[in-house]
């Protein structure tokens, strides 16, 4: 009994050692597998991070190229606008050739020359007001009436586009208008259009105003003037 018990006792420690060893080995294997899992996870994470970095780096050039394409589009739009502006300028240059500019200069020179002549020849012909489209000159005209010789201050309005646009007669704002002056102004402005077309200079038109003042006072001046012109054509034809 003692020997058997001893034998059994001796076997049990070995069995316990074996079982303990197997348990420790299994625990060691589990530890290894968990470590390997962690390593695999870390590897996968690192791989995913690297992939994300690579994909971002690959996307950056696309964004850059997108910006470049946008800038190219803006430059093309600007160049197109410049081209359109240049074409419009060319069209304007074609529509306003050198001959038209020379004609404008001649028209301005003619206007100024006639104004200078009025200032030199007509006493009291002076600048009254200079506007954007019309320059007004004050002038006192003298004429005979039933009561004797009288004077009247008037304005000779010369457009900047003269002789393409005729001169006009008007009253000064502070002048009391005579009963007949409205008729004189209406008739003279009508006649001035004809005289301008016939290339009468401004001093000659003002002389017509003074010399034909009594005729301009008549309400039927237009009919009388037409009959007189037809008579002159018959005589001198």
C-alpha atoms as a PDB file:
ATOM      1  CA  UNK A   1       0.000   0.000   0.000  1.00  0.00           C
ATOM      2  CA  UNK A   2       2.777   2.315   0.810  1.00  0.00           C
ATOM      3  CA  UNK A   3       4.610   1.541  -2.367  1.00  0.00           C
ATOM      4  CA  UNK A   4       1.484   1.974  -4.448  1.00  0.00           C
ATOM      5  CA  UNK A   5       0.616   5.144  -2.736  1.00  0.00           C
ATOM      6  CA  UNK A   6       4.097   6.351  -3.247  1.00  0.00           C
ATOM      7  CA  UNK A   7       3.917   5.377  -6.870  1.00  0.00           C
ATOM      8  CA  UNK A   8       0.660   7.112  -7.218  1.00  0.00           C
ATOM      9  CA  UNK A   9       2.047  10.057  -5.349  1.00  0.00           C
ATOM     10  CA  UNK A  10       4.999  10.238  -7.601  1.00  0.00           C
ATOM     11  CA  UNK A  11       2.835  10.044 -10.719  1.00  0.00           C
ATOM     12  CA  UNK A  12       0.450  12.754  -9.687  1.00  0.00           C
ATOM     13  CA  UNK A  13       3.063  15.467  -9.430  1.00  0.00           C
ATOM     14  CA  UNK A  14       4.229  14.664 -12.921  1.00  0.00           C
ATOM     15  CA  UNK A  15       0.701  14.703 -14.234  1.00  0.00           C
ATOM     16  CA  UNK A  16       0.084  17.958 -12.492  1.00  0.00           C
ATOM     17  CA  UNK A  17       3.271  19.321 -13.964  1.00  0.00           C
ATOM     18  CA  UNK A  18       2.278  18.134 -17.392  1.00  0.00           C
ATOM     19  CA  UNK A  19      -1.149  19.678 -17.076  1.00  0.00           C
ATOM     20  CA  UNK A  20       0.316  22.839 -15.746  1.00  0.00           C
ATOM     21  CA  UNK A  21       2.768  22.903 -18.609  1.00  0.00           C
ATOM     22  CA  UNK A  22       0.036  22.358 -21.122  1.00  0.00           C
ATOM     23  CA  UNK A  23      -2.010  25.102 -19.542  1.00  0.00           C
ATOM     24  CA  UNK A  24       0.937  27.436 -19.554  1.00  0.00           C
ATOM     25  CA  UNK A  25       1.716  26.524 -23.158  1.00  0.00           C
ATOM     26  CA  UNK A  26      -1.890  27.110 -24.162  1.00  0.00           C
ATOM     27  CA  UNK A  27      -1.837  30.409 -22.304  1.00  0.00           C
ATOM     28  CA  UNK A  28       1.390  31.240 -24.077  1.00  0.00           C
ATOM     29  CA  UNK A  29      -0.167  30.374 -27.411  1.00  0.00           C
ATOM     30  CA  UNK A  30      -3.172  32.584 -26.673  1.00  0.00           C
ATOM     31  CA  UNK A  31      -0.825  35.379 -25.727  1.00  0.00           C
ATOM     32  CA  UNK A  32       1.040  34.938 -28.973  1.00  0.00           C
ATOM     33  CA  UNK A  33      -2.142  34.950 -31.023  1.00  0.00           C
ATOM     34  CA  UNK A  34      -3.395  38.107 -29.317  1.00  0.00           C
ATOM     35  CA  UNK A  35      -0.045  39.800 -29.999  1.00  0.00           C
ATOM     36  CA  UNK A  36      -0.176  38.706 -33.596  1.00  0.00           C
ATOM     37  CA  UNK A  37      -3.701  40.049 -33.873  1.00  0.00           C
ATOM     38  CA  UNK A  38      -2.576  43.375 -32.465  1.00  0.00           C
ATOM     39  CA  UNK A  39       0.326  43.417 -34.875  1.00  0.00           C
ATOM     40  CA  UNK A  40      -1.984  42.641 -37.776  1.00  0.00           C
ATOM     41  CA  UNK A  41      -4.340  45.401 -36.662  1.00  0.00           C
ATOM     42  CA  UNK A  42      -1.501  47.872 -36.447  1.00  0.00           C
ATOM     43  CA  UNK A  43      -0.268  46.790 -39.846  1.00  0.00           C
ATOM     44  CA  UNK A  44      -3.731  47.166 -41.346  1.00  0.00           C
ATOM     45  CA  UNK A  45      -4.091  50.607 -39.743  1.00  0.00           C
ATOM     46  CA  UNK A  46      -0.750  51.690 -41.077  1.00  0.00           C
ATOM     47  CA  UNK A  47      -1.649  50.372 -44.508  1.00  0.00           C
ATOM     48  CA  UNK A  48      -4.990  52.188 -44.467  1.00  0.00           C
ATOM     49  CA  UNK A  49      -3.272  55.402 -43.342  1.00  0.00           C
ATOM     50  CA  UNK A  50      -0.728  55.102 -46.093  1.00  0.00           C
ATOM     51  CA  UNK A  51      -3.463  54.424 -48.609  1.00  0.00           C
ATOM     52  CA  UNK A  52      -5.401  57.500 -47.436  1.00  0.00           C
ATOM     53  CA  UNK A  53      -2.266  59.613 -47.675  1.00  0.00           C
ATOM     54  CA  UNK A  54      -1.568  58.325 -51.146  1.00  0.00           C
ATOM     55  CA  UNK A  55      -5.129  58.976 -52.248  1.00  0.00           C
ATOM     56  CA  UNK A  56      -5.029  62.524 -50.807  1.00  0.00           C
ATOM     57  CA  UNK A  57      -1.724  63.194 -52.475  1.00  0.00           C
ATOM     58  CA  UNK A  58      -3.179  61.899 -55.716  1.00  0.00           C
ATOM     59  CA  UNK A  59      -6.223  64.171 -55.318  1.00  0.00           C
ATOM     60  CA  UNK A  60      -4.150  67.313 -54.679  1.00  0.00           C
ATOM     61  CA  UNK A  61      -2.824  67.580 -58.221  1.00  0.00           C
ATOM     62  CA  UNK A  62      -6.388  67.287 -59.467  1.00  0.00           C
ATOM     63  CA  UNK A  63      -7.439  70.233 -57.313  1.00  0.00           C
ATOM     64  CA  UNK A  64      -4.425  72.182 -58.479  1.00  0.00           C
ATOM     65  CA  UNK A  65      -5.201  71.414 -62.081  1.00  0.00           C
ATOM     66  CA  UNK A  66      -8.797  72.419 -61.386  1.00  0.00           C
ATOM     67  CA  UNK A  67      -7.616  75.798 -60.122  1.00  0.00           C
ATOM     68  CA  UNK A  68      -5.347  76.155 -63.121  1.00  0.00           C
ATOM     69  CA  UNK A  69      -8.225  75.365 -65.430  1.00  0.00           C
ATOM     70  CA  UNK A  70     -10.353  77.979 -63.646  1.00  0.00           C
ATOM     71  CA  UNK A  71      -7.619  80.577 -64.039  1.00  0.00           C
ATOM     72  CA  UNK A  72      -7.239  79.649 -67.699  1.00  0.00           C
ATOM     73  CA  UNK A  73     -10.979  80.088 -68.147  1.00  0.00           C
ATOM     74  CA  UNK A  74     -10.823  83.557 -66.555  1.00  0.00           C
ATOM     75  CA  UNK A  75      -7.899  84.542 -68.752  1.00  0.00           C
ATOM     76  CA  UNK A  76      -9.736  83.328 -71.830  1.00  0.00           C
ATOM     77  CA  UNK A  77     -12.803  85.370 -70.816  1.00  0.00           C
ATOM     78  CA  UNK A  78     -10.651  88.492 -70.319  1.00  0.00           C
ATOM     79  CA  UNK A  79      -8.940  87.977 -73.651  1.00  0.00           C
ATOM     80  CA  UNK A  80     -12.310  87.523 -75.309  1.00  0.00           C
ATOM     81  CA  UNK A  81     -13.577  90.788 -73.794  1.00  0.00           C
ATOM     82  CA  UNK A  82     -10.443  92.603 -74.895  1.00  0.00           C
ATOM     83  CA  UNK A  83     -10.889  91.244 -78.381  1.00  0.00           C
ATOM     84  CA  UNK A  84     -14.512  92.393 -78.465  1.00  0.00           C
ATOM     85  CA  UNK A  85     -13.509  95.860 -77.243  1.00  0.00           C
ATOM     86  CA  UNK A  86     -10.814  96.079 -79.882  1.00  0.00           C
ATOM     87  CA  UNK A  87     -13.293  95.076 -82.564  1.00  0.00           C
ATOM     88  CA  UNK A  88     -15.771  97.705 -81.320  1.00  0.00           C
ATOM     89  CA  UNK A  89     -13.030 100.336 -81.380  1.00  0.00           C
ATOM     90  CA  UNK A  90     -12.150  99.314 -84.913  1.00  0.00           C
ATOM     91  CA  UNK A  91     -15.803  99.595 -85.943  1.00  0.00           C
ATOM     92  CA  UNK A  92     -16.015 103.061 -84.383  1.00  0.00           C
ATOM     93  CA  UNK A  93     -12.855 104.050 -86.215  1.00  0.00           C
ATOM     94  CA  UNK A  94     -14.359 102.809 -89.460  1.00  0.00           C
ATOM     95  CA  UNK A  95     -17.619 104.657 -88.799  1.00  0.00           C
ATOM     96  CA  UNK A  96     -15.754 107.908 -87.995  1.00  0.00           C
ATOM     97  CA  UNK A  97     -12.998 108.129 -90.581  1.00  0.00           C
ATOM     98  CA  UNK A  98     -10.438 110.878 -90.869  1.00  0.00           C
ATOM     99  CA  UNK A  99     -12.564 112.782 -93.378  1.00  0.00           C
ATOM    100  CA  UNK A 100     -15.360 113.214 -90.835  1.00  0.00           C
ATOM    101  CA  UNK A 101     -12.922 114.534 -88.220  1.00  0.00           C
ATOM    102  CA  UNK A 102     -11.605 117.042 -90.728  1.00  0.00           C
ATOM    103  CA  UNK A 103     -15.173 118.105 -91.528  1.00  0.00           C
ATOM    104  CA  UNK A 104     -15.859 118.646 -87.830  1.00  0.00           C
ATOM    105  CA  UNK A 105     -12.740 120.782 -87.485  1.00  0.00           C
ATOM    106  CA  UNK A 106     -13.785 122.893 -90.472  1.00  0.00           C
ATOM    107  CA  UNK A 107     -17.253 123.361 -88.992  1.00  0.00           C
ATOM    108  CA  UNK A 108     -15.806 124.532 -85.660  1.00  0.00           C
ATOM    109  CA  UNK A 109     -13.365 126.872 -87.411  1.00  0.00           C
ATOM    110  CA  UNK A 110     -16.165 128.398 -89.540  1.00  0.00           C
ATOM    111  CA  UNK A 111     -18.313 129.012 -86.471  1.00  0.00           C
ATOM    112  CA  UNK A 112     -15.507 130.699 -84.554  1.00  0.00           C
ATOM    113  CA  UNK A 113     -14.491 132.798 -87.541  1.00  0.00           C
ATOM    114  CA  UNK A 114     -18.017 134.191 -87.927  1.00  0.00           C
ATOM    115  CA  UNK A 115     -18.272 134.907 -84.197  1.00  0.00           C
ATOM    116  CA  UNK A 116     -14.972 136.804 -84.301  1.00  0.00           C
ATOM    117  CA  UNK A 117     -16.261 138.788 -87.271  1.00  0.00           C
ATOM    118  CA  UNK A 118     -19.426 139.741 -85.335  1.00  0.00           C
ATOM    119  CA  UNK A 119     -17.352 140.915 -82.377  1.00  0.00           C
ATOM    120  CA  UNK A 120     -15.175 142.997 -84.703  1.00  0.00           C
ATOM    121  CA  UNK A 121     -17.914 144.491 -86.914  1.00  0.00           C
ATOM    122  CA  UNK A 122     -20.952 144.846 -84.610  1.00  0.00           C
ATOM    123  CA  UNK A 123     -20.599 147.325 -81.728  1.00  0.00           C
ATOM    124  CA  UNK A 124     -21.867 145.930 -78.430  1.00  0.00           C
ATOM    125  CA  UNK A 125     -21.855 142.290 -79.596  1.00  0.00           C
ATOM    126  CA  UNK A 126     -20.592 140.543 -76.462  1.00  0.00           C
ATOM    127  CA  UNK A 127     -20.667 137.161 -74.770  1.00  0.00           C
ATOM    128  CA  UNK A 128     -23.675 136.707 -72.500  1.00  0.00           C
ATOM    129  CA  UNK A 129     -23.714 132.999 -71.585  1.00  0.00           C
ATOM    130  CA  UNK A 130     -21.726 129.935 -72.614  1.00  0.00           C
ATOM    131  CA  UNK A 131     -23.645 126.676 -72.321  1.00  0.00           C
ATOM    132  CA  UNK A 132     -23.002 123.054 -73.226  1.00  0.00           C
ATOM    133  CA  UNK A 133     -24.856 123.245 -76.544  1.00  0.00           C
ATOM    134  CA  UNK A 134     -25.397 126.960 -77.238  1.00  0.00           C
ATOM    135  CA  UNK A 135     -23.354 130.142 -76.803  1.00  0.00           C
ATOM    136  CA  UNK A 136     -25.466 133.263 -76.320  1.00  0.00           C
ATOM    137  CA  UNK A 137     -24.330 136.777 -77.270  1.00  0.00           C
ATOM    138  CA  UNK A 138     -26.045 139.974 -76.227  1.00  0.00           C
ATOM    139  CA  UNK A 139     -26.737 142.602 -78.855  1.00  0.00           C
ATOM    140  CA  UNK A 140     -28.750 145.828 -79.002  1.00  0.00           C
ATOM    141  CA  UNK A 141     -30.623 146.436 -82.228  1.00  0.00           C
ATOM    142  CA  UNK A 142     -31.900 149.889 -83.286  1.00  0.00           C
ATOM    143  CA  UNK A 143     -34.938 150.362 -85.499  1.00  0.00           C
ATOM    144  CA  UNK A 144     -37.460 153.014 -86.451  1.00  0.00           C
ATOM    145  CA  UNK A 145     -41.050 153.064 -85.250  1.00  0.00           C
ATOM    146  CA  UNK A 146     -43.923 155.516 -85.606  1.00  0.00           C
ATOM    147  CA  UNK A 147     -42.746 157.219 -82.422  1.00  0.00           C
ATOM    148  CA  UNK A 148     -39.138 157.432 -83.587  1.00  0.00           C
ATOM    149  CA  UNK A 149     -35.916 155.473 -83.212  1.00  0.00           C
ATOM    150  CA  UNK A 150     -35.911 152.832 -80.449  1.00  0.00           C
ATOM    151  CA  UNK A 151     -33.562 150.090 -79.280  1.00  0.00           C
ATOM    152  CA  UNK A 152     -34.088 146.561 -78.047  1.00  0.00           C
ATOM    153  CA  UNK A 153     -31.657 144.196 -76.293  1.00  0.00           C
ATOM    154  CA  UNK A 154     -31.806 140.671 -77.731  1.00  0.00           C
ATOM    155  CA  UNK A 155     -29.838 137.451 -77.544  1.00  0.00           C
ATOM    156  CA  UNK A 156     -28.205 135.847 -80.578  1.00  0.00           C
ATOM    157  CA  UNK A 157     -27.963 132.141 -79.714  1.00  0.00           C
ATOM    158  CA  UNK A 158     -25.317 130.294 -81.738  1.00  0.00           C
ATOM    159  CA  UNK A 159     -25.411 126.465 -81.397  1.00  0.00           C
ATOM    160  CA  UNK A 160     -22.148 124.557 -81.125  1.00  0.00           C
ATOM    161  CA  UNK A 161     -23.243 122.600 -84.218  1.00  0.00           C
ATOM    162  CA  UNK A 162     -23.590 125.762 -86.335  1.00  0.00           C
ATOM    163  CA  UNK A 163     -23.855 125.906 -89.375  1.00  0.00           C
ATOM    164  CA  UNK A 164     -25.485 122.483 -89.276  1.00  0.00           C
ATOM    165  CA  UNK A 165     -27.975 124.012 -86.821  1.00  0.00           C
ATOM    166  CA  UNK A 166     -29.183 127.607 -87.458  1.00  0.00           C
ATOM    167  CA  UNK A 167     -28.870 130.506 -85.037  1.00  0.00           C
ATOM    168  CA  UNK A 168     -31.874 131.619 -82.974  1.00  0.00           C
ATOM    169  CA  UNK A 169     -33.107 134.970 -81.736  1.00  0.00           C
ATOM    170  CA  UNK A 170     -34.542 135.357 -78.217  1.00  0.00           C
ATOM    171  CA  UNK A 171     -35.177 137.961 -75.533  1.00  0.00           C
ATOM    172  CA  UNK A 172     -33.170 138.405 -72.372  1.00  0.00           C
ATOM    173  CA  UNK A 173     -34.970 137.295 -69.232  1.00  0.00           C
ATOM    174  CA  UNK A 174     -34.903 140.748 -67.637  1.00  0.00           C
ATOM    175  CA  UNK A 175     -36.182 142.508 -70.783  1.00  0.00           C
ATOM    176  CA  UNK A 176     -39.812 143.483 -71.195  1.00  0.00           C
ATOM    177  CA  UNK A 177     -41.002 141.984 -74.448  1.00  0.00           C
ATOM    178  CA  UNK A 178     -42.804 144.350 -76.792  1.00  0.00           C
ATOM    179  CA  UNK A 179     -46.071 143.304 -78.336  1.00  0.00           C
ATOM    180  CA  UNK A 180     -44.424 142.809 -81.724  1.00  0.00           C
ATOM    181  CA  UNK A 181     -41.153 141.185 -80.539  1.00  0.00           C
ATOM    182  CA  UNK A 182     -42.741 137.739 -80.263  1.00  0.00           C
ATOM    183  CA  UNK A 183     -43.717 137.991 -83.941  1.00  0.00           C
ATOM    184  CA  UNK A 184     -40.241 139.256 -84.899  1.00  0.00           C
ATOM    185  CA  UNK A 185     -38.537 136.370 -83.062  1.00  0.00           C
ATOM    186  CA  UNK A 186     -40.807 133.745 -84.653  1.00  0.00           C
ATOM    187  CA  UNK A 187     -40.367 135.123 -88.171  1.00  0.00           C
ATOM    188  CA  UNK A 188     -36.601 135.631 -87.895  1.00  0.00           C
ATOM    189  CA  UNK A 189     -35.970 132.113 -86.558  1.00  0.00           C
ATOM    190  CA  UNK A 190     -37.959 130.722 -89.480  1.00  0.00           C
ATOM    191  CA  UNK A 191     -35.958 132.848 -91.940  1.00  0.00           C
ATOM    192  CA  UNK A 192     -32.618 132.025 -90.264  1.00  0.00           C
ATOM    193  CA  UNK A 193     -33.013 128.365 -91.250  1.00  0.00           C
ATOM    194  CA  UNK A 194     -33.184 129.396 -94.919  1.00  0.00           C
ATOM    195  CA  UNK A 195     -30.334 131.886 -94.662  1.00  0.00           C
ATOM    196  CA  UNK A 196     -28.075 129.294 -92.996  1.00  0.00           C
ATOM    197  CA  UNK A 197     -28.776 126.803 -95.789  1.00  0.00           C
ATOM    198  CA  UNK A 198     -27.839 129.521 -98.280  1.00  0.00           C
ATOM    199  CA  UNK A 199     -24.497 129.956 -96.442  1.00  0.00           C
ATOM    200  CA  UNK A 200     -25.271 133.445 -95.140  1.00  0.00           C
ATOM    201  CA  UNK A 201     -22.732 134.348 -92.466  1.00  0.00           C
ATOM    202  CA  UNK A 202     -23.912 135.344 -88.991  1.00  0.00           C
ATOM    203  CA  UNK A 203     -23.121 139.085 -89.428  1.00  0.00           C
ATOM    204  CA  UNK A 204     -25.218 139.092 -92.631  1.00  0.00           C
ATOM    205  CA  UNK A 205     -28.115 137.387 -90.848  1.00  0.00           C
ATOM    206  CA  UNK A 206     -28.011 139.966 -88.049  1.00  0.00           C
ATOM    207  CA  UNK A 207     -27.933 142.715 -90.677  1.00  0.00           C
ATOM    208  CA  UNK A 208     -31.068 141.135 -92.208  1.00  0.00           C
ATOM    209  CA  UNK A 209     -32.709 141.304 -88.760  1.00  0.00           C
ATOM    210  CA  UNK A 210     -31.996 145.040 -88.464  1.00  0.00           C
ATOM    211  CA  UNK A 211     -32.742 146.043 -92.073  1.00  0.00           C
ATOM    212  CA  UNK A 212     -35.931 143.976 -92.408  1.00  0.00           C
ATOM    213  CA  UNK A 213     -37.212 144.596 -88.891  1.00  0.00           C
ATOM    214  CA  UNK A 214     -40.423 146.304 -90.035  1.00  0.00           C
ATOM    215  CA  UNK A 215     -41.187 143.407 -92.369  1.00  0.00           C
ATOM    216  CA  UNK A 216     -40.437 140.858 -89.626  1.00  0.00           C
ATOM    217  CA  UNK A 217     -43.034 142.567 -87.410  1.00  0.00           C
ATOM    218  CA  UNK A 218     -45.801 141.565 -89.794  1.00  0.00           C
ATOM    219  CA  UNK A 219     -47.843 138.482 -88.995  1.00  0.00           C
ATOM    220  CA  UNK A 220     -47.965 137.474 -92.689  1.00  0.00           C
ATOM    221  CA  UNK A 221     -44.178 137.722 -93.094  1.00  0.00           C
ATOM    222  CA  UNK A 222     -43.839 134.144 -94.397  1.00  0.00           C
ATOM    223  CA  UNK A 223     -46.307 134.668 -97.247  1.00  0.00           C
ATOM    224  CA  UNK A 224     -44.749 138.021 -98.176  1.00  0.00           C
ATOM    225  CA  UNK A 225     -41.245 136.534 -98.114  1.00  0.00           C
ATOM    226  CA  UNK A 226     -42.256 133.604-100.348  1.00  0.00           C
ATOM    227  CA  UNK A 227     -43.837 135.976-102.893  1.00  0.00           C
ATOM    228  CA  UNK A 228     -40.766 138.182-102.892  1.00  0.00           C
ATOM    229  CA  UNK A 229     -38.426 135.213-103.422  1.00  0.00           C
ATOM    230  CA  UNK A 230     -40.503 133.910-106.318  1.00  0.00           C
ATOM    231  CA  UNK A 231     -40.467 137.414-107.846  1.00  0.00           C
ATOM    232  CA  UNK A 232     -36.676 137.609-107.599  1.00  0.00           C
ATOM    233  CA  UNK A 233     -36.329 134.172-109.203  1.00  0.00           C
ATOM    234  CA  UNK A 234     -38.507 135.281-112.116  1.00  0.00           C
ATOM    235  CA  UNK A 235     -36.579 138.509-112.637  1.00  0.00           C
ATOM    236  CA  UNK A 236     -33.077 137.053-112.387  1.00  0.00           C
ATOM    237  CA  UNK A 237     -33.743 133.736-114.159  1.00  0.00           C
END
